[in-house]
C-alpha atoms as a PDB file:
ATOM      1  CA  MET A   1     -33.992  58.907-133.417  1.00  0.00           C
ATOM      2  CA  SER A   2     -30.852  60.953-133.741  1.00  0.00           C
ATOM      3  CA  VAL A   3     -28.288  58.489-133.809  1.00  0.00           C
ATOM      4  CA  PRO A   4     -28.028  55.453-136.265  1.00  0.00           C
ATOM      5  CA  ASP A   5     -29.135  52.112-135.796  1.00  0.00           C
ATOM      6  CA  PRO A   6     -26.843  51.071-132.954  1.00  0.00           C
ATOM      7  CA  SER A   7     -26.156  47.634-133.877  1.00  0.00           C
ATOM      8  CA  GLU A   8     -25.540  48.382-137.683  1.00  0.00           C
ATOM      9  CA  PHE A   9     -23.407  51.277-136.909  1.00  0.00           C
ATOM     10  CA  SER A  10     -21.262  49.215-134.354  1.00  0.00           C
ATOM     11  CA  ALA A  11     -20.858  46.223-136.640  1.00  0.00           C
ATOM     12  CA  ALA A  12     -19.511  48.382-139.685  1.00  0.00           C
ATOM     13  CA  TRP A  13     -17.713  50.459-137.438  1.00  0.00           C
ATOM     14  CA  VAL A  14     -15.523  47.512-136.043  1.00  0.00           C
ATOM     15  CA  SER A  15     -15.471  45.775-139.438  1.00  0.00           C
ATOM     16  CA  ALA A  16     -13.775  48.656-141.012  1.00  0.00           C
ATOM     17  CA  TRP A  17     -11.257  49.170-138.314  1.00  0.00           C
ATOM     18  CA  ASN A  18     -10.543  45.498-138.183  1.00  0.00           C
ATOM     19  CA  ALA A  19      -9.852  45.573-141.884  1.00  0.00           C
ATOM     20  CA  HIS A  20      -7.707  48.928-141.421  1.00  0.00           C
ATOM     21  CA  ASP A  21      -9.814  50.594-144.016  1.00  0.00           C
ATOM     22  CA  LEU A  22      -9.561  54.231-142.967  1.00  0.00           C
ATOM     23  CA  ASP A  23     -11.915  55.449-145.537  1.00  0.00           C
ATOM     24  CA  ALA A  24     -14.478  52.977-144.656  1.00  0.00           C
ATOM     25  CA  VAL A  25     -14.008  54.305-140.710  1.00  0.00           C
ATOM     26  CA  LEU A  26     -14.041  58.071-141.974  1.00  0.00           C
ATOM     27  CA  ALA A  27     -17.052  57.622-143.977  1.00  0.00           C
ATOM     28  CA  HIS A  28     -19.043  57.873-140.516  1.00  0.00           C
ATOM     29  CA  PHE A  29     -17.509  61.154-139.666  1.00  0.00           C
ATOM     30  CA  HIS A  30     -18.448  64.885-140.876  1.00  0.00           C
ATOM     31  CA  ASP A  31     -15.663  66.816-142.594  1.00  0.00           C
ATOM     32  CA  ASP A  32     -15.548  69.324-139.176  1.00  0.00           C
ATOM     33  CA  VAL A  33     -15.724  66.547-136.787  1.00  0.00           C
ATOM     34  CA  VAL A  34     -13.889  67.180-133.473  1.00  0.00           C
ATOM     35  CA  PHE A  35     -12.221  64.239-131.957  1.00  0.00           C
ATOM     36  CA  THR A  36     -10.379  63.929-128.293  1.00  0.00           C
ATOM     37  CA  SER A  37      -8.022  61.185-127.422  1.00  0.00           C
ATOM     38  CA  PRO A  38      -4.950  61.027-124.516  1.00  0.00           C
ATOM     39  CA  LEU A  39      -3.323  58.867-127.446  1.00  0.00           C
ATOM     40  CA  ALA A  40      -3.949  61.508-129.896  1.00  0.00           C
ATOM     41  CA  ALA A  41      -1.826  63.727-127.458  1.00  0.00           C
ATOM     42  CA  ARG A  42       0.956  61.432-127.804  1.00  0.00           C
ATOM     43  CA  LEU A  43       0.950  60.676-131.326  1.00  0.00           C
ATOM     44  CA  VAL A  44       0.243  64.386-132.600  1.00  0.00           C
ATOM     45  CA  PRO A  45       1.813  66.228-129.694  1.00  0.00           C
ATOM     46  CA  ASP A  46       0.888  69.551-131.013  1.00  0.00           C
ATOM     47  CA  SER A  47      -2.722  68.629-130.877  1.00  0.00           C
ATOM     48  CA  GLY A  48      -2.916  68.671-127.224  1.00  0.00           C
ATOM     49  CA  GLY A  49      -5.316  65.649-127.782  1.00  0.00           C
ATOM     50  CA  VAL A  50      -7.608  67.665-130.125  1.00  0.00           C
ATOM     51  CA  LEU A  51      -8.252  66.861-133.347  1.00  0.00           C
ATOM     52  CA  ARG A  52     -10.210  69.159-135.576  1.00  0.00           C
ATOM     53  CA  GLY A  53     -11.446  68.059-139.187  1.00  0.00           C
ATOM     54  CA  LYS A  54     -11.290  64.705-140.783  1.00  0.00           C
ATOM     55  CA  GLU A  55      -8.419  65.340-142.533  1.00  0.00           C
ATOM     56  CA  ALA A  56      -6.504  65.875-139.050  1.00  0.00           C
ATOM     57  CA  LEU A  57      -8.405  62.711-137.888  1.00  0.00           C
ATOM     58  CA  ARG A  58      -7.207  60.654-141.016  1.00  0.00           C
ATOM     59  CA  ARG A  59      -3.432  61.774-140.095  1.00  0.00           C
ATOM     60  CA  TYR A  60      -3.924  60.558-136.515  1.00  0.00           C
ATOM     61  CA  TRP A  61      -5.450  57.245-137.455  1.00  0.00           C
ATOM     62  CA  THR A  62      -3.021  56.509-140.411  1.00  0.00           C
ATOM     63  CA  GLU A  63      -0.062  57.237-137.643  1.00  0.00           C
ATOM     64  CA  GLY A  64      -1.782  55.083-135.287  1.00  0.00           C
ATOM     65  CA  LEU A  65      -2.317  52.168-138.059  1.00  0.00           C
ATOM     66  CA  ARG A  66       1.299  52.375-138.874  1.00  0.00           C
ATOM     67  CA  LEU A  67       2.352  51.952-135.263  1.00  0.00           C
ATOM     68  CA  LEU A  68      -0.089  49.277-134.458  1.00  0.00           C
ATOM     69  CA  PRO A  69      -0.097  46.965-137.372  1.00  0.00           C
ATOM     70  CA  ASP A  70      -1.826  44.170-135.143  1.00  0.00           C
ATOM     71  CA  LEU A  71      -4.942  46.417-134.458  1.00  0.00           C
ATOM     72  CA  HIS A  72      -8.022  44.241-133.614  1.00  0.00           C
ATOM     73  CA  LEU A  73     -10.721  45.286-131.953  1.00  0.00           C
ATOM     74  CA  THR A  74     -13.685  43.366-130.159  1.00  0.00           C
ATOM     75  CA  VAL A  75     -16.913  45.310-129.721  1.00  0.00           C
ATOM     76  CA  GLU A  76     -17.868  44.478-126.195  1.00  0.00           C
ATOM     77  CA  ARG A  77     -21.132  46.618-125.674  1.00  0.00           C
ATOM     78  CA  VAL A  78     -22.982  49.356-127.315  1.00  0.00           C
ATOM     79  CA  TYR A  79     -24.869  51.980-125.444  1.00  0.00           C
ATOM     80  CA  ALA A  80     -27.410  54.734-127.401  1.00  0.00           C
ATOM     81  CA  GLY A  81     -28.315  58.046-126.048  1.00  0.00           C
ATOM     82  CA  VAL A  82     -30.413  60.541-127.822  1.00  0.00           C
ATOM     83  CA  THR A  83     -27.735  61.893-129.978  1.00  0.00           C
ATOM     84  CA  ALA A  84     -24.873  59.667-129.088  1.00  0.00           C
ATOM     85  CA  LEU A  85     -23.331  56.000-129.064  1.00  0.00           C
ATOM     86  CA  VAL A  86     -20.928  54.751-127.044  1.00  0.00           C
ATOM     87  CA  ILE A  87     -18.999  51.655-128.033  1.00  0.00           C
ATOM     88  CA  THR A  88     -16.928  49.649-125.418  1.00  0.00           C
ATOM     89  CA  TYR A  89     -14.435  47.570-126.987  1.00  0.00           C
ATOM     90  CA  ARG A  90     -11.334  45.432-126.241  1.00  0.00           C
ATOM     91  CA  ASN A  91      -8.171  46.343-128.109  1.00  0.00           C
ATOM     92  CA  GLN A  92      -5.407  43.862-129.360  1.00  0.00           C
ATOM     93  CA  ALA A  93      -3.437  44.382-126.165  1.00  0.00           C
ATOM     94  CA  GLY A  94      -6.471  43.697-124.118  1.00  0.00           C
ATOM     95  CA  GLY A  95      -7.276  47.361-123.188  1.00  0.00           C
ATOM     96  CA  VAL A  96     -10.825  48.539-122.727  1.00  0.00           C
ATOM     97  CA  VAL A  97     -11.806  51.912-124.682  1.00  0.00           C
ATOM     98  CA  ASP A  98     -14.927  53.469-124.748  1.00  0.00           C
ATOM     99  CA  GLU A  99     -15.313  55.676-127.978  1.00  0.00           C
ATOM    100  CA  VAL A 100     -18.077  58.156-127.334  1.00  0.00           C
ATOM    101  CA  LEU A 101     -19.845  59.274-130.606  1.00  0.00           C
ATOM    102  CA  VAL A 102     -22.107  62.323-130.878  1.00  0.00           C
ATOM    103  CA  PHE A 103     -24.359  62.683-134.144  1.00  0.00           C
ATOM    104  CA  ALA A 104     -25.910  65.225-136.248  1.00  0.00           C
ATOM    105  CA  ASP A 105     -27.476  64.342-139.347  1.00  0.00           C
ATOM    106  CA  GLY A 106     -26.309  60.703-139.318  1.00  0.00           C
ATOM    107  CA  LEU A 107     -22.576  61.683-138.849  1.00  0.00           C
ATOM    108  CA  VAL A 108     -20.305  61.790-135.996  1.00  0.00           C
ATOM    109  CA  VAL A 109     -19.671  65.559-135.203  1.00  0.00           C
ATOM    110  CA  GLU A 110     -17.811  64.789-131.998  1.00  0.00           C
ATOM    111  CA  GLY A 111     -15.962  61.918-131.134  1.00  0.00           C
ATOM    112  CA  HIS A 112     -14.108  61.045-127.543  1.00  0.00           C
ATOM    113  CA  GLY A 113     -11.447  58.036-127.022  1.00  0.00           C
ATOM    114  CA  THR A 114     -11.755  57.348-123.358  1.00  0.00           C
ATOM    115  CA  TYR A 115      -9.683  54.560-121.747  1.00  0.00           C
ATOM    116  CA  LEU A 116     -10.301  52.412-118.498  1.00  0.00           C
ATOM    117  CA  VAL A 117      -8.489  53.713-115.585  1.00  0.00           C
ATOM    118  CA  GLU A 118      -7.621  51.170-112.963  1.00  0.00           C
ATOM    119  CA  PRO A 119      -8.111  52.464-109.333  1.00  0.00           C
END
């Protein structure tokens, strides 16, 4: 399988986030990762919501944790594909988010933060 064990990965991922341990979170990501998020478009306006490379991701998430010191995630579901995992979680504000993570050689090479849209 091209993705890591879904249960183990999601448990380590949420544990790192809830500890606000960016080094542990970023250990799952390739140096040349591409990550998209509408929140990144707001926090890093010149990105257009597209972050390229682990250091850009570190800067974005460092700012996010600064602005959300009470950040806490609860995993609700995990979906596994051939090369991707989708982690559905609820954040500290009750918002529902899907993190779509595409893997190569055990590391995330592409990620997408997607947010529930109410009709």
